[in-house]
């Protein structure tokens, strides 16, 4: 079976690896190189780096017209999409005999859109999963071929949950494709109320100590490793891990212990277990307090 793969971030890599074991991948389409790091050096996406290492034909089209021309030239029987980052036009969807198949990291129709993993963690969900669907012109609105439910562990954050969903989703994708190609699986319309997962904004990354302790922890997990606050001097601190503390209260942002980094929230308190300090060093909460003499985080 001739397949074109479309994907961009590291989340897509397990799926591409599995596809290469089972099908003929005739081309890979990914997003443009983007500036990254302090030097803002142009950096290729993970899918491009992997494709080039494997000697695959790799394309980075800038327009929908270019995508159409590439897919038409490659003549795939199916296009497989995993976190590509752009909605495909109708003309592309209609090119392959078996359509365009997408792996989405949520239990559709819940969390359609760009950030399903972050939104699930932010909401404090206990369950999430993957959906393999036949794409249509909408944003994650197509009928579903297969789904799987995955439990969210208390210690999961965006990184660990992404890795888990990517790995399990790759297996589900292969299962769905084989069943679809053999005619053993029929697409089923999505059922239930739809919710949306818009792109994460920079403003959402900042921790608000007026929120409840559980909400603060959910934000830290959802936006790992980029959730942050400021110290009283206005220096940025990235908060990596925290847990709820019972029985302590205070003014929002107030540090409540001189040995543990316990911070009061609008409701309850959290202990910050790990953070990146104002000097960019990854430290424990206890290590941070040894060199910190202020009473509040902002």
C-alpha atoms as a PDB file:
ATOM      1  CA  UNK A   1       0.000   0.000   0.000  1.00  0.00           C
ATOM      2  CA  UNK A   2       1.465   3.354  -1.099  1.00  0.00           C
ATOM      3  CA  UNK A   3       1.225   5.936   1.698  1.00  0.00           C
ATOM      4  CA  UNK A   4       2.152   9.610   2.028  1.00  0.00           C
ATOM      5  CA  UNK A   5       2.820  10.703   5.608  1.00  0.00           C
ATOM      6  CA  UNK A   6       2.119  14.203   6.879  1.00  0.00           C
ATOM      7  CA  UNK A   7       3.363  15.267  10.322  1.00  0.00           C
ATOM      8  CA  UNK A   8       5.587  17.785  12.064  1.00  0.00           C
ATOM      9  CA  UNK A   9       6.488  17.396  15.788  1.00  0.00           C
ATOM     10  CA  UNK A  10       8.045  14.530  17.716  1.00  0.00           C
ATOM     11  CA  UNK A  11       4.553  13.260  18.573  1.00  0.00           C
ATOM     12  CA  UNK A  12       4.290  12.074  14.957  1.00  0.00           C
ATOM     13  CA  UNK A  13       7.526  10.044  14.954  1.00  0.00           C
ATOM     14  CA  UNK A  14       6.256   6.748  16.450  1.00  0.00           C
ATOM     15  CA  UNK A  15       3.522   6.673  13.799  1.00  0.00           C
ATOM     16  CA  UNK A  16       5.985   7.238  10.965  1.00  0.00           C
ATOM     17  CA  UNK A  17       8.280   4.542  12.384  1.00  0.00           C
ATOM     18  CA  UNK A  18       5.409   2.042  12.459  1.00  0.00           C
ATOM     19  CA  UNK A  19       4.231   2.974   8.967  1.00  0.00           C
ATOM     20  CA  UNK A  20       7.668   2.178   7.567  1.00  0.00           C
ATOM     21  CA  UNK A  21       7.393  -1.353   8.987  1.00  0.00           C
ATOM     22  CA  UNK A  22       4.053  -2.105   7.351  1.00  0.00           C
ATOM     23  CA  UNK A  23       3.564   0.054   4.236  1.00  0.00           C
ATOM     24  CA  UNK A  24       5.418   1.755   1.402  1.00  0.00           C
ATOM     25  CA  UNK A  25       5.935   5.373   2.478  1.00  0.00           C
ATOM     26  CA  UNK A  26       6.455   7.181  -0.835  1.00  0.00           C
ATOM     27  CA  UNK A  27       6.866  10.647   0.639  1.00  0.00           C
ATOM     28  CA  UNK A  28       6.785  12.749   3.803  1.00  0.00           C
ATOM     29  CA  UNK A  29       5.239  16.196   4.017  1.00  0.00           C
ATOM     30  CA  UNK A  30       6.039  18.453   6.963  1.00  0.00           C
ATOM     31  CA  UNK A  31       5.985  22.102   8.007  1.00  0.00           C
ATOM     32  CA  UNK A  32       8.634  24.697   7.249  1.00  0.00           C
ATOM     33  CA  UNK A  33      11.829  25.076   9.296  1.00  0.00           C
ATOM     34  CA  UNK A  34      11.298  27.618  12.083  1.00  0.00           C
ATOM     35  CA  UNK A  35      13.539  29.795  14.277  1.00  0.00           C
ATOM     36  CA  UNK A  36      14.266  28.165  17.642  1.00  0.00           C
ATOM     37  CA  UNK A  37      16.436  28.694  20.698  1.00  0.00           C
ATOM     38  CA  UNK A  38      18.123  31.816  21.954  1.00  0.00           C
ATOM     39  CA  UNK A  39      19.860  32.401  18.661  1.00  0.00           C
ATOM     40  CA  UNK A  40      16.611  31.916  16.709  1.00  0.00           C
ATOM     41  CA  UNK A  41      18.432  29.626  14.304  1.00  0.00           C
ATOM     42  CA  UNK A  42      16.291  28.025  11.603  1.00  0.00           C
ATOM     43  CA  UNK A  43      15.570  24.513  12.852  1.00  0.00           C
ATOM     44  CA  UNK A  44      13.944  21.645  10.927  1.00  0.00           C
ATOM     45  CA  UNK A  45      10.946  19.904  12.528  1.00  0.00           C
ATOM     46  CA  UNK A  46      11.581  16.464  14.066  1.00  0.00           C
ATOM     47  CA  UNK A  47       9.703  14.681  11.261  1.00  0.00           C
ATOM     48  CA  UNK A  48      11.971  16.219   8.628  1.00  0.00           C
ATOM     49  CA  UNK A  49      15.116  15.227  10.525  1.00  0.00           C
ATOM     50  CA  UNK A  50      13.874  11.651  10.867  1.00  0.00           C
ATOM     51  CA  UNK A  51      12.745  11.407   7.238  1.00  0.00           C
ATOM     52  CA  UNK A  52      16.113  12.582   5.940  1.00  0.00           C
ATOM     53  CA  UNK A  53      17.961  10.095   8.174  1.00  0.00           C
ATOM     54  CA  UNK A  54      15.819   7.320   6.696  1.00  0.00           C
ATOM     55  CA  UNK A  55      16.404   8.497   3.131  1.00  0.00           C
ATOM     56  CA  UNK A  56      12.731   9.339   2.549  1.00  0.00           C
ATOM     57  CA  UNK A  57      11.554  11.960   0.092  1.00  0.00           C
ATOM     58  CA  UNK A  58      10.641  14.973   2.239  1.00  0.00           C
ATOM     59  CA  UNK A  59       8.642  18.043   1.212  1.00  0.00           C
ATOM     60  CA  UNK A  60       7.878  21.320   2.976  1.00  0.00           C
ATOM     61  CA  UNK A  61       5.150  23.011   0.943  1.00  0.00           C
ATOM     62  CA  UNK A  62       4.150  26.563   1.783  1.00  0.00           C
ATOM     63  CA  UNK A  63       0.681  26.599   0.225  1.00  0.00           C
ATOM     64  CA  UNK A  64      -2.340  24.343  -0.182  1.00  0.00           C
ATOM     65  CA  UNK A  65      -1.693  24.360  -3.929  1.00  0.00           C
ATOM     66  CA  UNK A  66       1.795  22.964  -3.374  1.00  0.00           C
ATOM     67  CA  UNK A  67       0.421  20.239  -1.093  1.00  0.00           C
ATOM     68  CA  UNK A  68      -2.050  19.227  -3.793  1.00  0.00           C
ATOM     69  CA  UNK A  69       0.652  19.105  -6.479  1.00  0.00           C
ATOM     70  CA  UNK A  70       2.980  16.976  -4.329  1.00  0.00           C
ATOM     71  CA  UNK A  71       0.299  14.453  -3.329  1.00  0.00           C
ATOM     72  CA  UNK A  72      -0.944  14.216  -6.924  1.00  0.00           C
ATOM     73  CA  UNK A  73       2.585  13.516  -8.173  1.00  0.00           C
ATOM     74  CA  UNK A  74       3.265  10.844  -5.516  1.00  0.00           C
ATOM     75  CA  UNK A  75      -0.010   8.997  -6.257  1.00  0.00           C
ATOM     76  CA  UNK A  76      -0.543   7.495  -2.794  1.00  0.00           C
ATOM     77  CA  UNK A  77      -3.409   5.131  -2.097  1.00  0.00           C
ATOM     78  CA  UNK A  78      -3.768   6.773   1.329  1.00  0.00           C
ATOM     79  CA  UNK A  79      -2.514   9.908   3.088  1.00  0.00           C
ATOM     80  CA  UNK A  80      -1.787   9.499   6.805  1.00  0.00           C
ATOM     81  CA  UNK A  81      -1.785  12.647   8.940  1.00  0.00           C
ATOM     82  CA  UNK A  82      -0.425  12.917  12.494  1.00  0.00           C
ATOM     83  CA  UNK A  83      -0.061  16.392  14.029  1.00  0.00           C
ATOM     84  CA  UNK A  84       0.724  18.058  10.716  1.00  0.00           C
ATOM     85  CA  UNK A  85      -0.649  21.396  11.869  1.00  0.00           C
ATOM     86  CA  UNK A  86      -2.719  22.487   8.865  1.00  0.00           C
ATOM     87  CA  UNK A  87      -6.212  21.682   7.594  1.00  0.00           C
ATOM     88  CA  UNK A  88      -6.135  19.938   4.210  1.00  0.00           C
ATOM     89  CA  UNK A  89      -8.245  21.283   1.346  1.00  0.00           C
ATOM     90  CA  UNK A  90     -11.003  19.194  -0.224  1.00  0.00           C
ATOM     91  CA  UNK A  91      -8.930  18.653  -3.380  1.00  0.00           C
ATOM     92  CA  UNK A  92      -6.224  16.850  -1.386  1.00  0.00           C
ATOM     93  CA  UNK A  93      -8.719  14.822   0.653  1.00  0.00           C
ATOM     94  CA  UNK A  94     -10.230  13.440  -2.553  1.00  0.00           C
ATOM     95  CA  UNK A  95      -6.958  12.388  -4.224  1.00  0.00           C
ATOM     96  CA  UNK A  96      -6.155   8.994  -2.581  1.00  0.00           C
ATOM     97  CA  UNK A  97      -8.462   5.988  -3.068  1.00  0.00           C
ATOM     98  CA  UNK A  98      -8.568   5.281   0.663  1.00  0.00           C
ATOM     99  CA  UNK A  99      -8.808   8.931   1.665  1.00  0.00           C
ATOM    100  CA  UNK A 100      -6.823  10.789   4.303  1.00  0.00           C
ATOM    101  CA  UNK A 101      -6.561   9.181   7.747  1.00  0.00           C
ATOM    102  CA  UNK A 102      -5.733  11.204  10.856  1.00  0.00           C
ATOM    103  CA  UNK A 103      -4.543  10.184  14.328  1.00  0.00           C
ATOM    104  CA  UNK A 104      -5.855  12.659  16.918  1.00  0.00           C
ATOM    105  CA  UNK A 105      -4.879  12.594  20.604  1.00  0.00           C
ATOM    106  CA  UNK A 106      -8.334  12.774  22.168  1.00  0.00           C
ATOM    107  CA  UNK A 107     -11.592  10.862  22.379  1.00  0.00           C
ATOM    108  CA  UNK A 108     -13.405  12.706  19.609  1.00  0.00           C
ATOM    109  CA  UNK A 109     -15.568  14.746  19.480  1.00  0.00           C
ATOM    110  CA  UNK A 110     -13.915  15.966  22.695  1.00  0.00           C
ATOM    111  CA  UNK A 111     -11.000  18.373  22.244  1.00  0.00           C
ATOM    112  CA  UNK A 112     -11.023  18.942  18.513  1.00  0.00           C
ATOM    113  CA  UNK A 113      -8.178  21.224  17.531  1.00  0.00           C
ATOM    114  CA  UNK A 114      -4.531  22.012  18.167  1.00  0.00           C
ATOM    115  CA  UNK A 115      -3.954  21.248  21.859  1.00  0.00           C
ATOM    116  CA  UNK A 116      -6.007  18.233  22.984  1.00  0.00           C
ATOM    117  CA  UNK A 117      -3.382  16.898  25.408  1.00  0.00           C
ATOM    118  CA  UNK A 118      -2.871  20.227  27.163  1.00  0.00           C
ATOM    119  CA  UNK A 119      -6.618  20.863  27.437  1.00  0.00           C
ATOM    120  CA  UNK A 120      -7.257  17.432  28.908  1.00  0.00           C
ATOM    121  CA  UNK A 121      -4.636  17.958  31.615  1.00  0.00           C
ATOM    122  CA  UNK A 122      -5.787  21.509  32.271  1.00  0.00           C
ATOM    123  CA  UNK A 123      -9.329  20.259  32.844  1.00  0.00           C
ATOM    124  CA  UNK A 124      -8.097  17.641  35.305  1.00  0.00           C
ATOM    125  CA  UNK A 125      -9.468  14.752  33.241  1.00  0.00           C
ATOM    126  CA  UNK A 126      -8.816  11.226  34.473  1.00  0.00           C
ATOM    127  CA  UNK A 127      -9.169   9.626  31.043  1.00  0.00           C
ATOM    128  CA  UNK A 128      -8.085  10.548  27.543  1.00  0.00           C
ATOM    129  CA  UNK A 129      -7.215   8.551  24.436  1.00  0.00           C
ATOM    130  CA  UNK A 130      -6.617   8.455  20.692  1.00  0.00           C
ATOM    131  CA  UNK A 131      -8.986   8.529  17.745  1.00  0.00           C
ATOM    132  CA  UNK A 132      -8.181   7.428  14.194  1.00  0.00           C
ATOM    133  CA  UNK A 133     -10.570   9.117  11.793  1.00  0.00           C
ATOM    134  CA  UNK A 134     -11.309   9.533   8.104  1.00  0.00           C
ATOM    135  CA  UNK A 135     -10.698  13.204   7.432  1.00  0.00           C
ATOM    136  CA  UNK A 136     -13.256  15.589   5.980  1.00  0.00           C
ATOM    137  CA  UNK A 137     -13.136  19.351   5.391  1.00  0.00           C
ATOM    138  CA  UNK A 138     -13.810  20.240   9.037  1.00  0.00           C
ATOM    139  CA  UNK A 139     -11.383  20.462  11.936  1.00  0.00           C
ATOM    140  CA  UNK A 140     -11.290  16.937  13.391  1.00  0.00           C
ATOM    141  CA  UNK A 141     -14.924  16.349  12.473  1.00  0.00           C
ATOM    142  CA  UNK A 142     -14.593  13.226  10.319  1.00  0.00           C
ATOM    143  CA  UNK A 143     -16.020   9.780  11.108  1.00  0.00           C
ATOM    144  CA  UNK A 144     -13.968   7.584  13.436  1.00  0.00           C
ATOM    145  CA  UNK A 145     -12.405   4.245  12.468  1.00  0.00           C
ATOM    146  CA  UNK A 146     -10.978   3.237  15.871  1.00  0.00           C
ATOM    147  CA  UNK A 147     -10.582   4.720  19.344  1.00  0.00           C
ATOM    148  CA  UNK A 148      -8.648   3.767  22.461  1.00  0.00           C
ATOM    149  CA  UNK A 149      -9.028   4.979  26.047  1.00  0.00           C
ATOM    150  CA  UNK A 150      -5.915   5.776  28.095  1.00  0.00           C
ATOM    151  CA  UNK A 151      -5.830   6.555  31.805  1.00  0.00           C
ATOM    152  CA  UNK A 152      -4.147   9.774  32.901  1.00  0.00           C
ATOM    153  CA  UNK A 153      -1.872   9.088  35.853  1.00  0.00           C
ATOM    154  CA  UNK A 154      -1.586  11.601  38.684  1.00  0.00           C
ATOM    155  CA  UNK A 155       2.093  12.160  37.882  1.00  0.00           C
ATOM    156  CA  UNK A 156       1.520  12.671  34.145  1.00  0.00           C
ATOM    157  CA  UNK A 157       2.385  16.002  32.569  1.00  0.00           C
ATOM    158  CA  UNK A 158       2.296  17.187  28.967  1.00  0.00           C
ATOM    159  CA  UNK A 159       5.582  15.478  28.113  1.00  0.00           C
ATOM    160  CA  UNK A 160       4.860  12.076  29.645  1.00  0.00           C
ATOM    161  CA  UNK A 161       1.260  11.940  28.437  1.00  0.00           C
ATOM    162  CA  UNK A 162       2.293  12.981  24.916  1.00  0.00           C
ATOM    163  CA  UNK A 163       4.863  10.195  24.785  1.00  0.00           C
ATOM    164  CA  UNK A 164       2.318   7.659  26.002  1.00  0.00           C
ATOM    165  CA  UNK A 165      -0.371   8.763  23.520  1.00  0.00           C
ATOM    166  CA  UNK A 166       2.110   8.887  20.636  1.00  0.00           C
ATOM    167  CA  UNK A 167       3.374   5.358  21.302  1.00  0.00           C
ATOM    168  CA  UNK A 168      -0.049   3.786  21.801  1.00  0.00           C
ATOM    169  CA  UNK A 169      -1.556   5.858  19.010  1.00  0.00           C
ATOM    170  CA  UNK A 170       0.985   4.533  16.506  1.00  0.00           C
ATOM    171  CA  UNK A 171      -0.152   0.970  17.217  1.00  0.00           C
ATOM    172  CA  UNK A 172      -3.806   1.971  16.939  1.00  0.00           C
ATOM    173  CA  UNK A 173      -3.108   3.723  13.641  1.00  0.00           C
ATOM    174  CA  UNK A 174      -1.617   0.607  12.043  1.00  0.00           C
ATOM    175  CA  UNK A 175      -4.525  -1.499  13.298  1.00  0.00           C
ATOM    176  CA  UNK A 176      -7.025   0.992  11.886  1.00  0.00           C
ATOM    177  CA  UNK A 177      -5.261   1.276   8.521  1.00  0.00           C
ATOM    178  CA  UNK A 178      -5.070  -2.486   8.001  1.00  0.00           C
ATOM    179  CA  UNK A 179      -8.733  -2.882   8.883  1.00  0.00           C
ATOM    180  CA  UNK A 180      -9.721   0.035   6.655  1.00  0.00           C
ATOM    181  CA  UNK A 181      -7.728  -1.235   3.671  1.00  0.00           C
ATOM    182  CA  UNK A 182      -9.252  -4.725   4.026  1.00  0.00           C
ATOM    183  CA  UNK A 183     -12.762  -3.358   4.333  1.00  0.00           C
ATOM    184  CA  UNK A 184     -13.115  -4.747   7.852  1.00  0.00           C
ATOM    185  CA  UNK A 185     -13.684  -1.370   9.546  1.00  0.00           C
ATOM    186  CA  UNK A 186     -16.444   1.080   8.732  1.00  0.00           C
ATOM    187  CA  UNK A 187     -16.208   4.772   9.684  1.00  0.00           C
ATOM    188  CA  UNK A 188     -18.679   5.801  12.395  1.00  0.00           C
ATOM    189  CA  UNK A 189     -19.923   9.383  12.825  1.00  0.00           C
ATOM    190  CA  UNK A 190     -18.736  11.131  15.957  1.00  0.00           C
ATOM    191  CA  UNK A 191     -21.329  11.151  18.737  1.00  0.00           C
ATOM    192  CA  UNK A 192     -21.836  13.466  21.687  1.00  0.00           C
ATOM    193  CA  UNK A 193     -21.139  17.138  22.362  1.00  0.00           C
ATOM    194  CA  UNK A 194     -18.027  18.554  20.724  1.00  0.00           C
ATOM    195  CA  UNK A 195     -15.440  20.585  22.615  1.00  0.00           C
ATOM    196  CA  UNK A 196     -12.504  22.490  21.181  1.00  0.00           C
ATOM    197  CA  UNK A 197      -8.818  22.724  22.026  1.00  0.00           C
ATOM    198  CA  UNK A 198      -7.478  26.035  20.668  1.00  0.00           C
ATOM    199  CA  UNK A 199      -3.747  26.714  20.377  1.00  0.00           C
ATOM    200  CA  UNK A 200      -2.037  27.523  23.671  1.00  0.00           C
ATOM    201  CA  UNK A 201      -1.463  31.254  24.157  1.00  0.00           C
ATOM    202  CA  UNK A 202       1.520  32.783  25.944  1.00  0.00           C
ATOM    203  CA  UNK A 203      -0.823  34.296  28.537  1.00  0.00           C
ATOM    204  CA  UNK A 204      -2.068  30.861  29.571  1.00  0.00           C
ATOM    205  CA  UNK A 205       1.403  29.772  30.649  1.00  0.00           C
ATOM    206  CA  UNK A 206       1.479  32.152  33.626  1.00  0.00           C
ATOM    207  CA  UNK A 207       0.372  30.688  36.952  1.00  0.00           C
ATOM    208  CA  UNK A 208      -2.283  32.642  38.830  1.00  0.00           C
ATOM    209  CA  UNK A 209      -1.979  32.042  42.566  1.00  0.00           C
ATOM    210  CA  UNK A 210      -5.570  33.266  43.044  1.00  0.00           C
ATOM    211  CA  UNK A 211      -6.728  29.982  41.493  1.00  0.00           C
ATOM    212  CA  UNK A 212      -7.297  26.850  43.562  1.00  0.00           C
ATOM    213  CA  UNK A 213      -4.375  24.581  44.391  1.00  0.00           C
ATOM    214  CA  UNK A 214      -5.712  21.895  42.061  1.00  0.00           C
ATOM    215  CA  UNK A 215      -6.072  24.384  39.198  1.00  0.00           C
ATOM    216  CA  UNK A 216      -2.477  25.530  39.706  1.00  0.00           C
ATOM    217  CA  UNK A 217      -1.231  21.934  39.589  1.00  0.00           C
ATOM    218  CA  UNK A 218      -3.294  21.226  36.463  1.00  0.00           C
ATOM    219  CA  UNK A 219      -1.741  24.246  34.728  1.00  0.00           C
ATOM    220  CA  UNK A 220       1.783  23.155  35.654  1.00  0.00           C
ATOM    221  CA  UNK A 221       1.121  19.660  34.277  1.00  0.00           C
ATOM    222  CA  UNK A 222      -0.665  20.861  31.144  1.00  0.00           C
ATOM    223  CA  UNK A 223       1.972  23.356  30.055  1.00  0.00           C
ATOM    224  CA  UNK A 224       5.088  21.503  31.215  1.00  0.00           C
ATOM    225  CA  UNK A 225       7.871  22.636  31.046  1.00  0.00           C
ATOM    226  CA  UNK A 226       6.754  26.217  30.348  1.00  0.00           C
ATOM    227  CA  UNK A 227       4.319  27.190  33.139  1.00  0.00           C
ATOM    228  CA  UNK A 228       5.821  30.103  35.062  1.00  0.00           C
ATOM    229  CA  UNK A 229       5.418  32.780  37.701  1.00  0.00           C
ATOM    230  CA  UNK A 230       7.572  35.690  38.878  1.00  0.00           C
ATOM    231  CA  UNK A 231       9.378  36.261  42.128  1.00  0.00           C
ATOM    232  CA  UNK A 232       8.837  39.543  43.924  1.00  0.00           C
ATOM    233  CA  UNK A 233      11.776  41.071  42.005  1.00  0.00           C
ATOM    234  CA  UNK A 234      10.054  40.373  38.696  1.00  0.00           C
ATOM    235  CA  UNK A 235      12.358  37.493  37.732  1.00  0.00           C
ATOM    236  CA  UNK A 236      10.746  34.591  35.879  1.00  0.00           C
ATOM    237  CA  UNK A 237      10.592  31.131  37.462  1.00  0.00           C
ATOM    238  CA  UNK A 238       9.449  28.065  35.503  1.00  0.00           C
ATOM    239  CA  UNK A 239       7.505  25.674  37.720  1.00  0.00           C
ATOM    240  CA  UNK A 240       7.980  22.039  36.714  1.00  0.00           C
ATOM    241  CA  UNK A 241       6.335  19.961  39.421  1.00  0.00           C
ATOM    242  CA  UNK A 242       4.070  20.573  42.408  1.00  0.00           C
ATOM    243  CA  UNK A 243       1.721  18.777  44.778  1.00  0.00           C
ATOM    244  CA  UNK A 244      -1.185  19.812  46.990  1.00  0.00           C
ATOM    245  CA  UNK A 245      -0.557  20.537  50.665  1.00  0.00           C
ATOM    246  CA  UNK A 246      -3.384  20.147  53.144  1.00  0.00           C
ATOM    247  CA  UNK A 247      -4.027  22.318  56.175  1.00  0.00           C
ATOM    248  CA  UNK A 248      -2.062  25.425  55.199  1.00  0.00           C
ATOM    249  CA  UNK A 249      -3.502  28.736  54.020  1.00  0.00           C
ATOM    250  CA  UNK A 250      -2.320  32.276  53.425  1.00  0.00           C
ATOM    251  CA  UNK A 251      -2.381  35.203  51.053  1.00  0.00           C
ATOM    252  CA  UNK A 252      -2.169  34.228  47.376  1.00  0.00           C
ATOM    253  CA  UNK A 253       1.473  33.744  46.394  1.00  0.00           C
ATOM    254  CA  UNK A 254       2.738  33.779  49.976  1.00  0.00           C
ATOM    255  CA  UNK A 255       5.473  31.296  50.868  1.00  0.00           C
ATOM    256  CA  UNK A 256       4.228  29.425  53.941  1.00  0.00           C
ATOM    257  CA  UNK A 257       7.272  27.386  55.009  1.00  0.00           C
ATOM    258  CA  UNK A 258      10.934  28.263  55.467  1.00  0.00           C
ATOM    259  CA  UNK A 259      12.162  24.775  54.553  1.00  0.00           C
ATOM    260  CA  UNK A 260       9.744  23.631  51.859  1.00  0.00           C
ATOM    261  CA  UNK A 261       8.578  25.832  48.987  1.00  0.00           C
ATOM    262  CA  UNK A 262       4.899  25.830  49.959  1.00  0.00           C
ATOM    263  CA  UNK A 263       2.864  28.564  48.268  1.00  0.00           C
ATOM    264  CA  UNK A 264      -0.647  29.717  49.199  1.00  0.00           C
ATOM    265  CA  UNK A 265      -3.317  29.652  46.509  1.00  0.00           C
ATOM    266  CA  UNK A 266      -6.793  31.161  46.342  1.00  0.00           C
ATOM    267  CA  UNK A 267      -7.970  27.874  47.769  1.00  0.00           C
ATOM    268  CA  UNK A 268      -5.453  25.639  49.529  1.00  0.00           C
ATOM    269  CA  UNK A 269      -1.713  25.524  48.952  1.00  0.00           C
ATOM    270  CA  UNK A 270       0.864  23.712  46.807  1.00  0.00           C
ATOM    271  CA  UNK A 271       4.419  22.597  47.415  1.00  0.00           C
ATOM    272  CA  UNK A 272       6.680  23.329  44.466  1.00  0.00           C
ATOM    273  CA  UNK A 273       8.920  20.299  44.128  1.00  0.00           C
ATOM    274  CA  UNK A 274      10.952  21.302  41.085  1.00  0.00           C
ATOM    275  CA  UNK A 275      11.507  24.533  39.168  1.00  0.00           C
ATOM    276  CA  UNK A 276      13.888  26.432  36.929  1.00  0.00           C
ATOM    277  CA  UNK A 277      15.214  29.373  38.960  1.00  0.00           C
ATOM    278  CA  UNK A 278      15.910  32.934  37.844  1.00  0.00           C
ATOM    279  CA  UNK A 279      19.387  31.887  36.702  1.00  0.00           C
ATOM    280  CA  UNK A 280      18.007  29.154  34.439  1.00  0.00           C
ATOM    281  CA  UNK A 281      19.107  26.306  36.705  1.00  0.00           C
ATOM    282  CA  UNK A 282      16.831  23.347  37.426  1.00  0.00           C
ATOM    283  CA  UNK A 283      16.528  22.982  41.216  1.00  0.00           C
ATOM    284  CA  UNK A 284      14.292  21.472  43.886  1.00  0.00           C
ATOM    285  CA  UNK A 285      12.006  23.676  45.933  1.00  0.00           C
ATOM    286  CA  UNK A 286      14.197  23.201  48.960  1.00  0.00           C
ATOM    287  CA  UNK A 287      17.334  24.213  47.034  1.00  0.00           C
ATOM    288  CA  UNK A 288      15.580  27.316  45.746  1.00  0.00           C
ATOM    289  CA  UNK A 289      14.607  28.444  49.255  1.00  0.00           C
ATOM    290  CA  UNK A 290      18.226  28.297  50.456  1.00  0.00           C
ATOM    291  CA  UNK A 291      19.080  31.273  48.281  1.00  0.00           C
ATOM    292  CA  UNK A 292      15.733  33.072  48.464  1.00  0.00           C
ATOM    293  CA  UNK A 293      14.838  35.593  51.155  1.00  0.00           C
ATOM    294  CA  UNK A 294      11.508  36.988  49.935  1.00  0.00           C
ATOM    295  CA  UNK A 295       8.048  36.034  51.163  1.00  0.00           C
ATOM    296  CA  UNK A 296       6.017  35.996  47.949  1.00  0.00           C
ATOM    297  CA  UNK A 297       5.845  34.700  44.393  1.00  0.00           C
ATOM    298  CA  UNK A 298       3.834  36.723  41.871  1.00  0.00           C
END
